[in-house]
């Protein structure tokens, strides 16, 4: 088996970028981190709005 065939026959899908190659697993992990951070920011924004109601009194 040729080395080129081994590389093309791998079962790990990769996404190409001019800067780097990343696996689908890494891409999914980064997406989950992003969603989590976005939710934290959303929660913080909500808490600030609630706190401002009490500070203004």
N, C-alpha and C. Protein backbone atom coordinates (compact mmCIF):
# COMPACT_ATOMS: atom_id res chain seq x y z
N UNK A 1 0.84 -1.19 0.00
CA UNK A 1 0.00 0.00 0.00
C UNK A 1 0.88 1.24 0.00
N UNK A 2 0.56 2.15 -0.83
CA UNK A 2 1.28 3.41 -0.97
C UNK A 2 0.96 4.34 0.22
N UNK A 3 1.91 5.18 0.59
CA UNK A 3 1.70 6.12 1.70
C UNK A 3 0.55 7.06 1.40
N UNK A 4 0.45 7.51 0.18
CA UNK A 4 -0.64 8.41 -0.20
C UNK A 4 -1.99 7.73 0.02
N UNK A 5 -2.08 6.44 -0.30
CA UNK A 5 -3.32 5.70 -0.08
C UNK A 5 -3.63 5.61 1.40
N UNK A 6 -2.63 5.40 2.24
CA UNK A 6 -2.84 5.32 3.69
C UNK A 6 -3.42 6.63 4.22
N UNK A 7 -2.90 7.73 3.75
CA UNK A 7 -3.37 9.03 4.21
C UNK A 7 -4.81 9.27 3.77
N UNK A 8 -5.12 8.93 2.55
CA UNK A 8 -6.47 9.18 2.04
C UNK A 8 -7.48 8.17 2.58
N UNK A 9 -7.04 7.04 3.09
CA UNK A 9 -7.96 6.02 3.58
C UNK A 9 -8.21 6.11 5.08
N UNK A 10 -7.72 7.14 5.74
CA UNK A 10 -7.98 7.26 7.17
C UNK A 10 -9.44 7.60 7.40
N UNK A 11 -9.97 7.16 8.53
CA UNK A 11 -11.37 7.38 8.85
C UNK A 11 -11.61 8.68 9.60
N UNK A 12 -10.56 9.41 9.95
CA UNK A 12 -10.72 10.66 10.67
C UNK A 12 -10.90 11.78 9.66
N UNK A 13 -12.10 12.38 9.64
CA UNK A 13 -12.28 13.49 8.70
C UNK A 13 -11.50 14.72 9.15
N UNK A 14 -10.92 15.41 8.20
CA UNK A 14 -10.15 16.61 8.52
C UNK A 14 -10.69 17.77 7.71
N UNK A 15 -10.59 18.94 8.28
CA UNK A 15 -11.02 20.15 7.60
C UNK A 15 -9.77 20.95 7.27
N UNK A 16 -9.69 21.40 6.05
CA UNK A 16 -8.49 22.07 5.58
C UNK A 16 -8.59 23.58 5.75
N UNK A 17 -7.52 24.15 6.18
CA UNK A 17 -7.35 25.59 6.24
C UNK A 17 -5.93 25.86 5.81
N UNK A 18 -5.66 27.03 5.28
CA UNK A 18 -4.30 27.35 4.88
C UNK A 18 -3.37 27.40 6.08
N UNK A 19 -3.93 27.67 7.26
CA UNK A 19 -3.10 27.77 8.46
C UNK A 19 -2.85 26.41 9.11
N UNK A 20 -3.87 25.52 9.12
CA UNK A 20 -3.70 24.25 9.81
C UNK A 20 -4.77 23.24 9.43
N UNK A 21 -4.55 22.01 9.82
CA UNK A 21 -5.55 20.95 9.71
C UNK A 21 -6.06 20.64 11.10
N UNK A 22 -7.38 20.52 11.25
CA UNK A 22 -7.93 20.14 12.55
C UNK A 22 -8.89 18.98 12.35
N UNK A 23 -9.04 18.17 13.38
CA UNK A 23 -9.96 17.04 13.29
C UNK A 23 -11.38 17.51 13.62
N UNK A 24 -12.32 16.71 13.24
CA UNK A 24 -13.72 17.02 13.53
C UNK A 24 -13.94 17.07 15.04
N UNK A 25 -13.27 16.20 15.78
CA UNK A 25 -13.40 16.18 17.24
C UNK A 25 -12.97 17.51 17.83
N UNK A 26 -11.84 18.04 17.39
CA UNK A 26 -11.35 19.32 17.89
C UNK A 26 -12.32 20.45 17.52
N UNK A 27 -12.82 20.40 16.31
CA UNK A 27 -13.78 21.40 15.88
C UNK A 27 -15.03 21.38 16.76
N UNK A 28 -15.53 20.19 17.05
CA UNK A 28 -16.72 20.06 17.91
C UNK A 28 -16.44 20.54 19.33
N UNK A 29 -15.27 20.22 19.87
CA UNK A 29 -14.93 20.67 21.22
C UNK A 29 -14.87 22.19 21.28
N UNK A 30 -14.28 22.81 20.27
CA UNK A 30 -14.21 24.27 20.24
C UNK A 30 -15.60 24.88 20.12
N UNK A 31 -16.47 24.25 19.35
CA UNK A 31 -17.84 24.75 19.21
C UNK A 31 -18.58 24.67 20.54
N UNK A 32 -18.38 23.58 21.28
CA UNK A 32 -19.03 23.44 22.59
C UNK A 32 -18.52 24.49 23.57
N UNK A 33 -17.22 24.77 23.54
CA UNK A 33 -16.66 25.82 24.39
C UNK A 33 -17.27 27.18 24.06
N UNK A 34 -17.40 27.46 22.77
CA UNK A 34 -17.97 28.71 22.32
C UNK A 34 -19.41 28.86 22.80
N UNK A 35 -20.20 27.81 22.66
CA UNK A 35 -21.60 27.85 23.10
C UNK A 35 -21.68 28.08 24.60
N UNK A 36 -20.83 27.40 25.36
CA UNK A 36 -20.80 27.56 26.82
C UNK A 36 -20.45 29.00 27.20
N UNK A 37 -19.43 29.57 26.58
CA UNK A 37 -19.02 30.94 26.88
C UNK A 37 -20.11 31.93 26.49
N UNK A 38 -20.76 31.68 25.39
CA UNK A 38 -21.85 32.55 24.94
C UNK A 38 -22.99 32.53 25.97
N UNK A 39 -23.29 31.37 26.50
CA UNK A 39 -24.34 31.24 27.52
C UNK A 39 -23.95 31.97 28.79
N UNK A 40 -22.68 31.87 29.20
CA UNK A 40 -22.22 32.58 30.39
C UNK A 40 -22.38 34.10 30.23
N UNK A 41 -22.04 34.61 29.06
CA UNK A 41 -22.18 36.05 28.79
C UNK A 41 -23.65 36.44 28.84
N UNK A 42 -24.50 35.61 28.27
CA UNK A 42 -25.94 35.89 28.26
C UNK A 42 -26.48 35.91 29.69
N UNK A 43 -26.05 34.96 30.52
CA UNK A 43 -26.47 34.92 31.92
C UNK A 43 -25.99 36.15 32.67
N UNK A 44 -24.78 36.57 32.42
CA UNK A 44 -24.22 37.74 33.09
C UNK A 44 -24.98 39.00 32.69
N UNK A 45 -25.34 39.12 31.43
CA UNK A 45 -26.10 40.27 30.97
C UNK A 45 -27.46 40.31 31.67
N UNK A 46 -28.11 39.16 31.79
CA UNK A 46 -29.40 39.08 32.49
C UNK A 46 -29.25 39.49 33.95
N UNK A 47 -28.20 38.99 34.63
CA UNK A 47 -27.97 39.33 36.04
C UNK A 47 -27.73 40.82 36.21
N UNK A 48 -26.98 41.44 35.31
CA UNK A 48 -26.74 42.88 35.41
C UNK A 48 -28.04 43.67 35.29
N UNK A 49 -28.91 43.24 34.39
CA UNK A 49 -30.21 43.91 34.24
C UNK A 49 -31.03 43.77 35.51
N UNK A 50 -31.00 42.60 36.12
CA UNK A 50 -31.74 42.38 37.37
C UNK A 50 -31.15 43.22 38.50
N UNK A 51 -29.83 43.25 38.62
CA UNK A 51 -29.17 44.01 39.68
C UNK A 51 -29.43 45.51 39.53
N UNK A 52 -29.48 45.98 38.29
CA UNK A 52 -29.70 47.42 38.07
C UNK A 52 -31.07 47.86 38.55
N UNK A 53 -32.04 46.97 38.58
CA UNK A 53 -33.37 47.30 39.09
C UNK A 53 -33.31 47.63 40.58
N UNK A 54 -32.47 46.93 41.31
CA UNK A 54 -32.38 47.14 42.77
C UNK A 54 -31.46 48.32 43.12
N UNK A 55 -30.45 48.56 42.30
CA UNK A 55 -29.50 49.64 42.57
C UNK A 55 -30.16 51.00 42.35
N UNK A 56 -31.04 51.09 41.39
CA UNK A 56 -31.67 52.35 41.03
C UNK A 56 -32.70 52.82 42.05
N UNK A 57 -33.10 51.98 43.00
CA UNK A 57 -34.15 52.35 43.97
C UNK A 57 -33.61 53.20 45.08
